[in-house]
C-alpha atoms as a PDB file:
ATOM      1  CA  MET A   1     117.294  89.857  92.102  1.00  0.00           C
ATOM      2  CA  GLY A   2     116.241  88.896  95.615  1.00  0.00           C
ATOM      3  CA  SER A   3     118.175  91.724  97.203  1.00  0.00           C
ATOM      4  CA  SER A   4     116.535  94.357  94.968  1.00  0.00           C
ATOM      5  CA  THR A   5     113.065  93.077  95.980  1.00  0.00           C
ATOM      6  CA  ILE A   6     114.017  93.313  99.642  1.00  0.00           C
ATOM      7  CA  SER A   7     115.368  96.859  99.184  1.00  0.00           C
ATOM      8  CA  GLU A   8     112.248  97.920  97.278  1.00  0.00           C
ATOM      9  CA  THR A   9     110.052  96.419 100.002  1.00  0.00           C
ATOM     10  CA  PHE A  10     112.128  98.179 102.653  1.00  0.00           C
ATOM     11  CA  LEU A  11     111.827 101.533 100.806  1.00  0.00           C
ATOM     12  CA  VAL A  12     108.061 101.108 100.443  1.00  0.00           C
ATOM     13  CA  LEU A  13     107.686 100.355 104.173  1.00  0.00           C
ATOM     14  CA  VAL A  14     109.848 103.336 105.160  1.00  0.00           C
ATOM     15  CA  SER A  15     107.917 105.665 102.848  1.00  0.00           C
ATOM     16  CA  VAL A  16     104.569 104.399 104.240  1.00  0.00           C
ATOM     17  CA  LEU A  17     105.811 104.952 107.811  1.00  0.00           C
ATOM     18  CA  LEU A  18     107.078 108.456 106.989  1.00  0.00           C
ATOM     19  CA  ALA A  19     103.825 109.354 105.222  1.00  0.00           C
ATOM     20  CA  SER A  20     101.797 108.050 108.190  1.00  0.00           C
ATOM     21  CA  GLY A  21     103.905 110.061 110.641  1.00  0.00           C
ATOM     22  CA  PHE A  22     103.579 113.218 108.559  1.00  0.00           C
ATOM     23  CA  SER A  23      99.808 112.678 108.248  1.00  0.00           C
ATOM     24  CA  ALA A  24      99.428 112.195 111.999  1.00  0.00           C
ATOM     25  CA  TYR A  25     101.455 115.351 112.694  1.00  0.00           C
ATOM     26  CA  ALA A  26      99.428 117.378 110.157  1.00  0.00           C
ATOM     27  CA  THR A  27      96.159 116.139 111.712  1.00  0.00           C
ATOM     28  CA  PHE A  28      97.395 117.068 115.211  1.00  0.00           C
ATOM     29  CA  MET A  29      98.464 120.564 114.096  1.00  0.00           C
ATOM     30  CA  ALA A  30      95.140 121.143 112.307  1.00  0.00           C
ATOM     31  CA  GLY A  31      93.325 120.277 115.549  1.00  0.00           C
ATOM     32  CA  ALA A  32      95.551 122.635 117.546  1.00  0.00           C
ATOM     33  CA  VAL A  33      94.969 125.482 115.067  1.00  0.00           C
ATOM     34  CA  ARG A  34      91.221 124.827 115.118  1.00  0.00           C
ATOM     35  CA  SER A  35      91.241 124.889 118.945  1.00  0.00           C
ATOM     36  CA  ASP A  36      93.162 128.188 118.995  1.00  0.00           C
ATOM     37  CA  MET A  37      90.785 129.709 116.466  1.00  0.00           C
ATOM     38  CA  ALA A  38      87.749 128.531 118.439  1.00  0.00           C
ATOM     39  CA  GLN A  39      89.149 130.094 121.616  1.00  0.00           C
ATOM     40  CA  ALA A  40      89.893 133.393 119.840  1.00  0.00           C
ATOM     41  CA  LEU A  41      86.392 133.419 118.362  1.00  0.00           C
ATOM     42  CA  SER A  42      84.888 132.708 121.784  1.00  0.00           C
ATOM     43  CA  GLU A  43      86.816 135.614 123.323  1.00  0.00           C
ATOM     44  CA  ALA A  44      85.749 137.931 120.498  1.00  0.00           C
ATOM     45  CA  ARG A  45      82.127 136.839 120.925  1.00  0.00           C
ATOM     46  CA  ARG A  46      82.346 137.500 124.673  1.00  0.00           C
ATOM     47  CA  ALA A  47      83.824 140.960 124.046  1.00  0.00           C
ATOM     48  CA  ALA A  48      80.999 141.738 121.630  1.00  0.00           C
ATOM     49  CA  ASN A  49      78.442 140.599 124.203  1.00  0.00           C
ATOM     50  CA  LEU A  50      80.006 142.710 126.985  1.00  0.00           C
ATOM     51  CA  ARG A  51      79.288 146.268 125.902  1.00  0.00           C
ATOM     52  CA  ILE A  52      78.375 149.509 127.676  1.00  0.00           C
ATOM     53  CA  GLU A  53      77.386 153.017 126.593  1.00  0.00           C
ATOM     54  CA  VAL A  54      77.917 156.281 128.490  1.00  0.00           C
ATOM     55  CA  VAL A  55      74.579 158.081 128.111  1.00  0.00           C
ATOM     56  CA  TYR A  56      75.054 161.155 130.312  1.00  0.00           C
ATOM     57  CA  ALA A  57      77.703 162.766 132.479  1.00  0.00           C
ATOM     58  CA  SER A  58      77.764 165.841 134.677  1.00  0.00           C
ATOM     59  CA  VAL A  59      79.474 167.420 137.666  1.00  0.00           C
ATOM     60  CA  ASP A  60      77.916 167.514 141.124  1.00  0.00           C
ATOM     61  CA  MET A  61      79.631 170.566 142.627  1.00  0.00           C
ATOM     62  CA  ALA A  62      77.797 170.211 145.948  1.00  0.00           C
ATOM     63  CA  GLU A  63      79.172 166.711 146.518  1.00  0.00           C
ATOM     64  CA  GLY A  64      82.442 167.283 144.631  1.00  0.00           C
ATOM     65  CA  CYS A  65      82.098 164.393 142.217  1.00  0.00           C
ATOM     66  CA  PHE A  66      81.485 163.446 138.606  1.00  0.00           C
ATOM     67  CA  VAL A  67      78.133 161.730 138.003  1.00  0.00           C
ATOM     68  CA  ILE A  68      78.068 159.353 135.037  1.00  0.00           C
ATOM     69  CA  TYR A  69      75.106 157.310 133.787  1.00  0.00           C
ATOM     70  CA  VAL A  70      76.094 154.209 131.837  1.00  0.00           C
ATOM     71  CA  LYS A  71      73.827 151.649 130.154  1.00  0.00           C
ATOM     72  CA  ASN A  72      74.720 147.975 129.741  1.00  0.00           C
ATOM     73  CA  THR A  73      73.957 147.523 126.024  1.00  0.00           C
ATOM     74  CA  GLY A  74      75.486 144.052 125.828  1.00  0.00           C
ATOM     75  CA  ASN A  75      73.976 140.626 126.414  1.00  0.00           C
ATOM     76  CA  LEU A  76      75.932 139.724 129.557  1.00  0.00           C
ATOM     77  CA  PRO A  77      75.484 140.973 133.135  1.00  0.00           C
ATOM     78  CA  ILE A  78      78.391 142.661 134.914  1.00  0.00           C
ATOM     79  CA  THR A  79      78.838 141.538 138.509  1.00  0.00           C
ATOM     80  CA  ASP A  80      82.441 142.398 139.363  1.00  0.00           C
ATOM     81  CA  PHE A  81      82.549 146.198 139.322  1.00  0.00           C
ATOM     82  CA  ALA A  82      86.269 146.119 140.166  1.00  0.00           C
ATOM     83  CA  GLN A  83      86.821 144.913 136.577  1.00  0.00           C
ATOM     84  CA  VAL A  84      85.434 148.203 135.193  1.00  0.00           C
ATOM     85  CA  ASP A  85      87.870 151.040 134.506  1.00  0.00           C
ATOM     86  CA  VAL A  86      86.693 154.649 134.677  1.00  0.00           C
ATOM     87  CA  TYR A  87      88.775 157.481 133.229  1.00  0.00           C
ATOM     88  CA  VAL A  88      87.486 160.998 133.847  1.00  0.00           C
ATOM     89  CA  GLY A  89      88.816 164.525 134.112  1.00  0.00           C
ATOM     90  CA  PRO A  90      89.540 167.622 132.084  1.00  0.00           C
ATOM     91  CA  TYR A  91      89.628 166.947 128.342  1.00  0.00           C
ATOM     92  CA  GLY A  92      93.044 165.532 127.467  1.00  0.00           C
ATOM     93  CA  TYR A  93      93.973 165.011 131.130  1.00  0.00           C
ATOM     94  CA  ALA A  94      91.603 162.310 132.355  1.00  0.00           C
ATOM     95  CA  ARG A  95      92.946 159.903 134.940  1.00  0.00           C
ATOM     96  CA  ILE A  96      91.963 156.390 135.928  1.00  0.00           C
ATOM     97  CA  TYR A  97      89.822 155.643 138.972  1.00  0.00           C
ATOM     98  CA  VAL A  98      89.293 152.229 140.523  1.00  0.00           C
ATOM     99  CA  TYR A  99      86.161 150.835 142.132  1.00  0.00           C
ATOM    100  CA  ASN A 100      85.639 151.194 145.852  1.00  0.00           C
ATOM    101  CA  PRO A 101      82.121 150.726 147.248  1.00  0.00           C
ATOM    102  CA  SER A 102      82.886 153.225 150.024  1.00  0.00           C
ATOM    103  CA  ALA A 103      84.060 155.980 147.651  1.00  0.00           C
ATOM    104  CA  SER A 104      82.821 159.387 148.788  1.00  0.00           C
ATOM    105  CA  SER A 105      83.980 162.971 149.201  1.00  0.00           C
ATOM    106  CA  SER A 106      85.583 161.872 152.493  1.00  0.00           C
ATOM    107  CA  ASN A 107      87.254 158.892 150.700  1.00  0.00           C
ATOM    108  CA  PRO A 108      88.356 160.427 147.362  1.00  0.00           C
ATOM    109  CA  GLY A 109      90.352 158.920 144.512  1.00  0.00           C
ATOM    110  CA  TYR A 110      87.835 156.174 143.747  1.00  0.00           C
ATOM    111  CA  PHE A 111      84.468 155.588 142.116  1.00  0.00           C
ATOM    112  CA  ASN A 112      81.390 153.732 143.250  1.00  0.00           C
ATOM    113  CA  LEU A 113      78.785 152.135 141.013  1.00  0.00           C
ATOM    114  CA  THR A 114      75.129 151.587 141.781  1.00  0.00           C
ATOM    115  CA  ASP A 115      72.893 149.636 139.438  1.00  0.00           C
ATOM    116  CA  VAL A 116      69.343 150.972 139.138  1.00  0.00           C
ATOM    117  CA  ASP A 117      67.541 148.150 140.931  1.00  0.00           C
ATOM    118  CA  GLY A 118      70.250 147.899 143.602  1.00  0.00           C
ATOM    119  CA  ASP A 119      70.713 144.120 143.441  1.00  0.00           C
ATOM    120  CA  GLY A 120      74.475 144.342 142.767  1.00  0.00           C
ATOM    121  CA  VAL A 121      74.154 142.883 139.261  1.00  0.00           C
ATOM    122  CA  TRP A 122      74.415 145.279 136.313  1.00  0.00           C
ATOM    123  CA  GLU A 123      72.088 143.454 133.962  1.00  0.00           C
ATOM    124  CA  PRO A 124      71.666 143.936 130.205  1.00  0.00           C
ATOM    125  CA  ALA A 125      69.556 147.038 129.359  1.00  0.00           C
ATOM    126  CA  GLU A 126      70.060 148.356 132.900  1.00  0.00           C
ATOM    127  CA  THR A 127      71.531 151.777 133.630  1.00  0.00           C
ATOM    128  CA  ALA A 128      74.081 152.284 136.380  1.00  0.00           C
ATOM    129  CA  GLU A 129      75.097 155.454 138.170  1.00  0.00           C
ATOM    130  CA  ILE A 130      78.826 155.948 138.622  1.00  0.00           C
ATOM    131  CA  ARG A 131      80.072 158.595 141.042  1.00  0.00           C
ATOM    132  CA  VAL A 132      83.755 159.506 140.749  1.00  0.00           C
ATOM    133  CA  TYR A 133      85.375 161.402 143.613  1.00  0.00           C
ATOM    134  CA  PRO A 134      88.634 163.054 142.488  1.00  0.00           C
ATOM    135  CA  GLU A 135      91.231 163.966 145.074  1.00  0.00           C
ATOM    136  CA  GLY A 136      91.254 167.716 145.627  1.00  0.00           C
ATOM    137  CA  GLY A 137      87.732 168.196 144.255  1.00  0.00           C
ATOM    138  CA  ILE A 138      86.565 168.819 140.721  1.00  0.00           C
ATOM    139  CA  PRO A 139      89.340 170.373 138.609  1.00  0.00           C
ATOM    140  CA  GLU A 140      88.560 173.526 136.639  1.00  0.00           C
ATOM    141  CA  ALA A 141      88.082 172.900 132.909  1.00  0.00           C
ATOM    142  CA  THR A 142      86.095 174.096 129.913  1.00  0.00           C
ATOM    143  CA  MET A 143      85.390 170.487 128.826  1.00  0.00           C
ATOM    144  CA  TYR A 144      85.557 167.131 130.569  1.00  0.00           C
ATOM    145  CA  GLU A 145      85.898 163.653 129.156  1.00  0.00           C
ATOM    146  CA  VAL A 146      84.888 160.260 130.490  1.00  0.00           C
ATOM    147  CA  LEU A 147      85.709 156.746 129.298  1.00  0.00           C
ATOM    148  CA  VAL A 148      84.176 153.673 130.915  1.00  0.00           C
ATOM    149  CA  LYS A 149      85.684 150.339 129.877  1.00  0.00           C
ATOM    150  CA  PRO A 150      84.775 146.871 131.151  1.00  0.00           C
ATOM    151  CA  PHE A 151      87.490 144.208 131.236  1.00  0.00           C
ATOM    152  CA  LYS A 152      87.531 142.357 127.884  1.00  0.00           C
ATOM    153  CA  GLY A 153      84.543 144.326 126.650  1.00  0.00           C
ATOM    154  CA  ILE A 154      83.613 147.297 124.527  1.00  0.00           C
ATOM    155  CA  GLY A 155      83.724 150.619 126.359  1.00  0.00           C
ATOM    156  CA  SER A 156      82.287 154.041 125.662  1.00  0.00           C
ATOM    157  CA  ASP A 157      83.377 157.646 126.035  1.00  0.00           C
ATOM    158  CA  LEU A 158      81.737 161.054 126.221  1.00  0.00           C
ATOM    159  CA  ILE A 159      82.893 164.664 126.219  1.00  0.00           C
ATOM    160  CA  PHE A 160      80.770 167.006 128.341  1.00  0.00           C
ATOM    161  CA  PRO A 161      80.878 170.614 129.556  1.00  0.00           C
ATOM    162  CA  PRO A 162      80.844 171.712 133.196  1.00  0.00           C
ATOM    163  CA  PRO A 163      77.572 173.017 134.606  1.00  0.00           C
ATOM    164  CA  PRO A 164      76.890 176.710 133.965  1.00  0.00           C
END
């Protein structure tokens, strides 16, 4: 009779220890899942707050560049213009251009970006002028397309005709 009481006590202790270990593991995993979900939600919220809209685009034949006006419609300022991708060219054949503050017709293959007030910070509700200088000048096309996309944000595109 004494040995059955000891075995029952031993089984109860082992089951309590196993249940405690499982409970601790489940609590840890729930915290890890909650942390991952909070991080994903934070990144989604940031992407929703970093948003731009292409409002107008044209071709400057005299300077040999595309001129694009883009408004920051999000809630966050954009300070690192190198994190903005610009795709522009004939419809269906646009190519990517990277930021270079010294982009010009004598330094083609890049774009430069100037915010309206010139302070180097593209603030919410502010419009920026982007000038894209393609190598070899403006390609002939009946329609052009432009897509401007900030890193981890919501971009915008526009299809526009060449000047008459």
